[in-house]
C-alpha atoms as a PDB file:
ATOM      1  CA  MET A   1       0.176  -0.077   0.117  1.00  0.00           C
ATOM      2  CA  HIS A   2       2.791   2.417   0.859  1.00  0.00           C
ATOM      3  CA  ARG A   3       4.018   2.140  -2.931  1.00  0.00           C
ATOM      4  CA  ILE A   4       0.615   3.670  -4.060  1.00  0.00           C
ATOM      5  CA  ALA A   5       1.211   6.645  -2.012  1.00  0.00           C
ATOM      6  CA  ALA A   6       4.410   7.405  -3.796  1.00  0.00           C
ATOM      7  CA  LEU A   7       2.513   7.325  -7.186  1.00  0.00           C
ATOM      8  CA  PRO A   8       1.116  10.766  -8.357  1.00  0.00           C
ATOM      9  CA  THR A   9      -2.381  11.516  -7.854  1.00  0.00           C
ATOM     10  CA  HIS A  10      -3.167  12.486 -11.451  1.00  0.00           C
ATOM     11  CA  PRO A  11      -3.139  10.235 -14.239  1.00  0.00           C
ATOM     12  CA  PHE A  12       0.732   8.881 -14.718  1.00  0.00           C
ATOM     13  CA  THR A  13       2.918   6.623 -17.332  1.00  0.00           C
ATOM     14  CA  LEU A  14       5.138   4.213 -16.338  1.00  0.00           C
ATOM     15  CA  GLU A  15       8.009   6.620 -16.833  1.00  0.00           C
ATOM     16  CA  ASP A  16       6.313   8.682 -13.979  1.00  0.00           C
ATOM     17  CA  ALA A  17       6.119   5.604 -11.849  1.00  0.00           C
ATOM     18  CA  SER A  18       9.851   4.838 -12.593  1.00  0.00           C
ATOM     19  CA  ALA A  19      10.516   8.382 -11.481  1.00  0.00           C
ATOM     20  CA  ALA A  20       8.830   7.557  -8.095  1.00  0.00           C
ATOM     21  CA  GLY A  21      10.678   4.488  -7.738  1.00  0.00           C
ATOM     22  CA  ILE A  22       8.147   1.936  -8.752  1.00  0.00           C
ATOM     23  CA  SER A  23       8.939  -0.468 -11.674  1.00  0.00           C
ATOM     24  CA  ALA A  24       6.665  -0.944 -14.358  1.00  0.00           C
ATOM     25  CA  ARG A  25       5.946  -4.664 -13.193  1.00  0.00           C
ATOM     26  CA  THR A  26       4.911  -3.359  -9.985  1.00  0.00           C
ATOM     27  CA  VAL A  27       2.584  -1.037 -11.375  1.00  0.00           C
ATOM     28  CA  GLN A  28       1.070  -3.790 -13.662  1.00  0.00           C
ATOM     29  CA  ARG A  29       0.830  -6.160 -10.497  1.00  0.00           C
ATOM     30  CA  LEU A  30      -1.102  -3.230  -8.576  1.00  0.00           C
ATOM     31  CA  ALA A  31      -3.375  -2.783 -11.498  1.00  0.00           C
ATOM     32  CA  THR A  32      -4.034  -6.568 -12.118  1.00  0.00           C
ATOM     33  CA  ALA A  33      -4.923  -6.523  -7.937  1.00  0.00           C
ATOM     34  CA  GLY A  34      -7.379  -3.648  -8.548  1.00  0.00           C
ATOM     35  CA  LEU A  35      -5.452  -1.000  -6.789  1.00  0.00           C
ATOM     36  CA  LEU A  36      -4.657   0.988  -9.830  1.00  0.00           C
ATOM     37  CA  VAL A  37      -6.812   1.854 -12.798  1.00  0.00           C
ATOM     38  CA  ARG A  38      -5.529   1.297 -16.177  1.00  0.00           C
ATOM     39  CA  LEU A  39      -6.788   4.145 -18.532  1.00  0.00           C
ATOM     40  CA  GLY A  40      -4.853   2.781 -21.490  1.00  0.00           C
ATOM     41  CA  ARG A  41      -1.512   1.221 -22.797  1.00  0.00           C
ATOM     42  CA  GLY A  42       1.135   2.745 -20.269  1.00  0.00           C
ATOM     43  CA  LEU A  43      -1.315   4.995 -18.483  1.00  0.00           C
ATOM     44  CA  TYR A  44      -2.650   4.587 -15.135  1.00  0.00           C
ATOM     45  CA  GLN A  45      -4.272   6.320 -12.071  1.00  0.00           C
ATOM     46  CA  ARG A  46      -5.008   5.695  -8.622  1.00  0.00           C
ATOM     47  CA  PRO A  47      -8.602   4.769  -7.812  1.00  0.00           C
ATOM     48  CA  GLU A  48      -9.438   7.929  -5.765  1.00  0.00           C
ATOM     49  CA  THR A  49      -8.374  10.006  -8.504  1.00  0.00           C
ATOM     50  CA  ASP A  50     -11.235  11.746 -10.050  1.00  0.00           C
ATOM     51  CA  VAL A  51     -10.790  12.668 -13.735  1.00  0.00           C
ATOM     52  CA  ASP A  52     -13.750  13.685 -15.464  1.00  0.00           C
ATOM     53  CA  ASP A  53     -12.498  12.947 -19.158  1.00  0.00           C
ATOM     54  CA  THR A  54     -10.049   9.994 -19.149  1.00  0.00           C
ATOM     55  CA  ASP A  55      -9.930   9.409 -22.830  1.00  0.00           C
ATOM     56  CA  LEU A  56      -8.970  13.113 -23.325  1.00  0.00           C
ATOM     57  CA  CYS A  57      -6.498  12.775 -20.716  1.00  0.00           C
ATOM     58  CA  THR A  58      -5.116   9.627 -22.267  1.00  0.00           C
ATOM     59  CA  ALA A  59      -5.103  11.189 -25.610  1.00  0.00           C
ATOM     60  CA  ALA A  60      -3.189  14.267 -24.440  1.00  0.00           C
ATOM     61  CA  THR A  61      -0.876  11.990 -22.682  1.00  0.00           C
ATOM     62  CA  ARG A  62       0.023  10.071 -25.829  1.00  0.00           C
ATOM     63  CA  ALA A  63       0.004  12.980 -27.999  1.00  0.00           C
ATOM     64  CA  PRO A  64       1.299  16.353 -26.356  1.00  0.00           C
ATOM     65  CA  ASP A  65       0.428  18.239 -29.474  1.00  0.00           C
ATOM     66  CA  ALA A  66      -3.130  17.179 -29.348  1.00  0.00           C
ATOM     67  CA  THR A  67      -5.542  20.214 -29.501  1.00  0.00           C
ATOM     68  CA  LEU A  68      -9.284  20.147 -28.973  1.00  0.00           C
ATOM     69  CA  CYS A  69     -10.656  21.369 -32.500  1.00  0.00           C
ATOM     70  CA  LEU A  70     -13.740  21.647 -34.539  1.00  0.00           C
ATOM     71  CA  THR A  71     -17.128  20.700 -32.790  1.00  0.00           C
ATOM     72  CA  SER A  72     -15.394  19.905 -29.576  1.00  0.00           C
ATOM     73  CA  ALA A  73     -13.770  23.266 -29.465  1.00  0.00           C
ATOM     74  CA  LEU A  74     -17.058  25.030 -30.271  1.00  0.00           C
ATOM     75  CA  VAL A  75     -18.792  23.129 -27.637  1.00  0.00           C
ATOM     76  CA  HIS A  76     -16.005  24.164 -25.212  1.00  0.00           C
ATOM     77  CA  HIS A  77     -16.586  27.893 -25.999  1.00  0.00           C
ATOM     78  CA  GLY A  78     -20.265  27.588 -25.707  1.00  0.00           C
ATOM     79  CA  LEU A  79     -20.959  28.390 -29.442  1.00  0.00           C
ATOM     80  CA  VAL A  80     -22.961  25.134 -30.279  1.00  0.00           C
ATOM     81  CA  ASP A  81     -25.296  22.935 -28.536  1.00  0.00           C
ATOM     82  CA  ASP A  82     -24.090  19.610 -29.907  1.00  0.00           C
ATOM     83  CA  ILE A  83     -22.940  16.864 -27.945  1.00  0.00           C
ATOM     84  CA  PRO A  84     -20.276  15.095 -29.826  1.00  0.00           C
ATOM     85  CA  ALA A  85     -20.145  11.444 -30.197  1.00  0.00           C
ATOM     86  CA  ARG A  86     -16.157  11.938 -30.412  1.00  0.00           C
ATOM     87  CA  ILE A  87     -13.524  14.024 -29.102  1.00  0.00           C
ATOM     88  CA  ASP A  88     -11.952  16.093 -31.929  1.00  0.00           C
ATOM     89  CA  LEU A  89      -8.279  16.457 -31.520  1.00  0.00           C
ATOM     90  CA  ALA A  90      -5.864  17.766 -34.105  1.00  0.00           C
ATOM     91  CA  LEU A  91      -2.438  17.235 -34.584  1.00  0.00           C
ATOM     92  CA  PRO A  92       0.148  18.685 -37.209  1.00  0.00           C
ATOM     93  CA  ARG A  93       0.312  16.934 -40.529  1.00  0.00           C
ATOM     94  CA  GLY A  94       2.895  14.400 -40.402  1.00  0.00           C
ATOM     95  CA  ALA A  95       2.552  13.662 -36.775  1.00  0.00           C
ATOM     96  CA  ARG A  96       1.882   9.942 -35.717  1.00  0.00           C
ATOM     97  CA  ARG A  97      -1.976   9.236 -34.744  1.00  0.00           C
ATOM     98  CA  PRO A  98      -1.550   7.281 -31.742  1.00  0.00           C
ATOM     99  CA  ALA A  99      -3.731   4.574 -30.895  1.00  0.00           C
ATOM    100  CA  GLY A 100      -6.169   5.314 -28.216  1.00  0.00           C
ATOM    101  CA  PRO A 101      -9.612   5.517 -26.934  1.00  0.00           C
ATOM    102  CA  PRO A 102     -12.161   4.942 -29.803  1.00  0.00           C
ATOM    103  CA  THR A 103     -13.951   7.996 -28.713  1.00  0.00           C
ATOM    104  CA  VAL A 104     -11.193  10.293 -30.100  1.00  0.00           C
ATOM    105  CA  GLN A 105     -11.388  11.383 -33.665  1.00  0.00           C
ATOM    106  CA  TRP A 106      -8.009  12.483 -34.910  1.00  0.00           C
ATOM    107  CA  HIS A 107      -7.498  15.297 -37.508  1.00  0.00           C
ATOM    108  CA  LEU A 108      -4.418  16.177 -39.322  1.00  0.00           C
ATOM    109  CA  PHE A 109      -3.773  20.170 -39.622  1.00  0.00           C
ATOM    110  CA  ASP A 110      -1.128  21.765 -41.717  1.00  0.00           C
ATOM    111  CA  ALA A 111       1.940  22.019 -39.677  1.00  0.00           C
ATOM    112  CA  LYS A 112       2.398  25.737 -40.747  1.00  0.00           C
ATOM    113  CA  THR A 113      -0.744  26.983 -39.359  1.00  0.00           C
ATOM    114  CA  PHE A 114      -1.157  24.302 -36.729  1.00  0.00           C
ATOM    115  CA  THR A 115      -0.383  27.114 -33.831  1.00  0.00           C
ATOM    116  CA  VAL A 116      -2.723  29.698 -35.189  1.00  0.00           C
ATOM    117  CA  GLY A 117      -5.065  30.314 -32.211  1.00  0.00           C
ATOM    118  CA  ARG A 118      -3.693  27.600 -30.143  1.00  0.00           C
ATOM    119  CA  THR A 119      -3.789  27.926 -26.454  1.00  0.00           C
ATOM    120  CA  SER A 120      -3.576  25.405 -23.643  1.00  0.00           C
ATOM    121  CA  LEU A 121      -6.400  24.129 -21.419  1.00  0.00           C
ATOM    122  CA  GLU A 122      -5.671  21.786 -18.171  1.00  0.00           C
ATOM    123  CA  ILE A 123      -7.829  18.739 -18.006  1.00  0.00           C
ATOM    124  CA  ASP A 124      -9.601  18.941 -14.718  1.00  0.00           C
ATOM    125  CA  GLY A 125      -8.671  16.635 -12.011  1.00  0.00           C
ATOM    126  CA  THR A 126      -5.114  16.216 -13.730  1.00  0.00           C
ATOM    127  CA  ARG A 127      -1.848  17.923 -14.312  1.00  0.00           C
ATOM    128  CA  THR A 128      -2.115  17.159 -17.944  1.00  0.00           C
ATOM    129  CA  SER A 129      -2.949  19.706 -20.455  1.00  0.00           C
ATOM    130  CA  VAL A 130      -4.383  19.703 -23.949  1.00  0.00           C
ATOM    131  CA  GLY A 131      -3.953  22.148 -26.603  1.00  0.00           C
ATOM    132  CA  LEU A 132      -7.437  24.343 -27.391  1.00  0.00           C
ATOM    133  CA  TYR A 133      -8.111  26.361 -30.386  1.00  0.00           C
ATOM    134  CA  SER A 134      -9.461  29.727 -29.729  1.00  0.00           C
ATOM    135  CA  ALA A 135     -13.413  30.425 -30.382  1.00  0.00           C
ATOM    136  CA  GLU A 136     -12.327  32.509 -33.333  1.00  0.00           C
ATOM    137  CA  ARG A 137     -10.221  29.705 -35.051  1.00  0.00           C
ATOM    138  CA  SER A 138     -12.493  27.156 -34.116  1.00  0.00           C
ATOM    139  CA  ILE A 139     -15.245  29.199 -36.111  1.00  0.00           C
ATOM    140  CA  VAL A 140     -12.765  29.527 -39.003  1.00  0.00           C
ATOM    141  CA  ASP A 141     -12.099  25.897 -39.167  1.00  0.00           C
ATOM    142  CA  ALA A 142     -15.876  25.094 -39.139  1.00  0.00           C
ATOM    143  CA  PHE A 143     -16.210  27.187 -42.220  1.00  0.00           C
ATOM    144  CA  ARG A 144     -12.956  25.709 -43.629  1.00  0.00           C
ATOM    145  CA  LEU A 145     -13.862  22.084 -42.793  1.00  0.00           C
ATOM    146  CA  ARG A 146     -17.787  22.491 -43.320  1.00  0.00           C
ATOM    147  CA  ASP A 147     -17.918  18.961 -45.161  1.00  0.00           C
ATOM    148  CA  VAL A 148     -16.691  17.377 -42.027  1.00  0.00           C
ATOM    149  CA  VAL A 149     -18.432  19.424 -39.235  1.00  0.00           C
ATOM    150  CA  GLY A 150     -21.643  20.025 -41.243  1.00  0.00           C
ATOM    151  CA  TYR A 151     -22.760  22.927 -42.956  1.00  0.00           C
ATOM    152  CA  GLU A 152     -24.764  24.381 -40.404  1.00  0.00           C
ATOM    153  CA  THR A 153     -22.342  24.082 -37.715  1.00  0.00           C
ATOM    154  CA  GLY A 154     -20.137  27.172 -38.511  1.00  0.00           C
ATOM    155  CA  ILE A 155     -23.356  29.186 -39.163  1.00  0.00           C
ATOM    156  CA  GLU A 156     -24.790  28.430 -35.686  1.00  0.00           C
ATOM    157  CA  ALA A 157     -21.287  28.874 -33.833  1.00  0.00           C
ATOM    158  CA  LEU A 158     -20.729  32.421 -35.841  1.00  0.00           C
ATOM    159  CA  ARG A 159     -24.292  33.561 -34.907  1.00  0.00           C
ATOM    160  CA  THR A 160     -23.843  32.673 -31.229  1.00  0.00           C
ATOM    161  CA  TRP A 161     -20.239  34.455 -31.359  1.00  0.00           C
ATOM    162  CA  LEU A 162     -21.624  37.460 -33.074  1.00  0.00           C
ATOM    163  CA  ARG A 163     -24.135  38.012 -30.037  1.00  0.00           C
ATOM    164  CA  ARG A 164     -21.506  38.060 -27.660  1.00  0.00           C
ATOM    165  CA  ARG A 165     -20.044  41.384 -26.227  1.00  0.00           C
ATOM    166  CA  GLY A 166     -16.671  42.368 -27.838  1.00  0.00           C
ATOM    167  CA  SER A 167     -16.700  40.006 -30.780  1.00  0.00           C
ATOM    168  CA  ALA A 168     -15.155  41.517 -33.629  1.00  0.00           C
ATOM    169  CA  PRO A 169     -15.421  39.963 -37.050  1.00  0.00           C
ATOM    170  CA  ALA A 170     -11.876  41.568 -37.998  1.00  0.00           C
ATOM    171  CA  ALA A 171     -10.429  38.786 -35.644  1.00  0.00           C
ATOM    172  CA  LEU A 172     -12.015  36.208 -37.671  1.00  0.00           C
ATOM    173  CA  LEU A 173     -11.141  37.450 -40.910  1.00  0.00           C
ATOM    174  CA  SER A 174      -7.341  37.744 -39.749  1.00  0.00           C
ATOM    175  CA  ILE A 175      -7.297  34.405 -38.938  1.00  0.00           C
ATOM    176  CA  ALA A 176      -9.241  33.289 -41.958  1.00  0.00           C
ATOM    177  CA  ARG A 177      -6.404  34.944 -44.231  1.00  0.00           C
ATOM    178  CA  THR A 178      -4.092  32.186 -42.690  1.00  0.00           C
ATOM    179  CA  LEU A 179      -6.636  29.646 -43.646  1.00  0.00           C
ATOM    180  CA  PRO A 180      -7.677  30.707 -47.139  1.00  0.00           C
ATOM    181  CA  ARG A 181     -10.201  27.855 -47.809  1.00  0.00           C
ATOM    182  CA  ALA A 182     -12.465  29.282 -45.045  1.00  0.00           C
ATOM    183  CA  GLN A 183     -12.381  33.077 -46.362  1.00  0.00           C
ATOM    184  CA  GLY A 184     -15.013  32.952 -48.832  1.00  0.00           C
ATOM    185  CA  PRO A 185     -17.715  31.033 -46.923  1.00  0.00           C
ATOM    186  CA  LEU A 186     -16.923  33.072 -44.008  1.00  0.00           C
ATOM    187  CA  ARG A 187     -17.298  36.509 -45.720  1.00  0.00           C
ATOM    188  CA  GLU A 188     -20.548  35.362 -47.202  1.00  0.00           C
ATOM    189  CA  ALA A 189     -21.933  34.285 -43.753  1.00  0.00           C
ATOM    190  CA  LEU A 190     -20.946  37.498 -42.045  1.00  0.00           C
ATOM    191  CA  ASN A 191     -22.443  39.570 -44.755  1.00  0.00           C
ATOM    192  CA  TYR A 192     -25.801  37.427 -44.327  1.00  0.00           C
ATOM    193  CA  LEU A 193     -25.681  37.523 -40.575  1.00  0.00           C
ATOM    194  CA  ALA A 194     -24.687  41.227 -40.386  1.00  0.00           C
END
């Protein structure tokens, strides 16, 4: 039991356990005995750890560049009312998509524009963070990838965003200039909704 106390209170990898002086074999034995919860290959947590979204935590641990995008980011920002069946995560094109929870949908974004509008978000109950695209970038992506998220999703998000105080269409257009495929549809929607 004293070995478990040495383990982090947040989800941890076998490397984290090793740094705490506990071997991979001991971690696996503790998991088999039900004293640890196996979240995924090489990722564990103590049973008393309260992580709201273990699938997101697992994906973020396996792919540090993972970034909430598309519908998942729009929902996070309160711009659409959808309840996505999967977590949309972006990686820079050329990165390896990790095996992981079936609830994660991986998307590959151009490495040159991957960081545009990207911030970081700490996952509740963990020390793990995941990337998050800003509301503006998420709206632009919804127009750019409307065949993926649905044609109405971008319109709904834009309409909600425009109703908020301080929303500036110039910020959207600035991001759209770096992601040209979105420029035309976004300008058209702005003209329609204005």
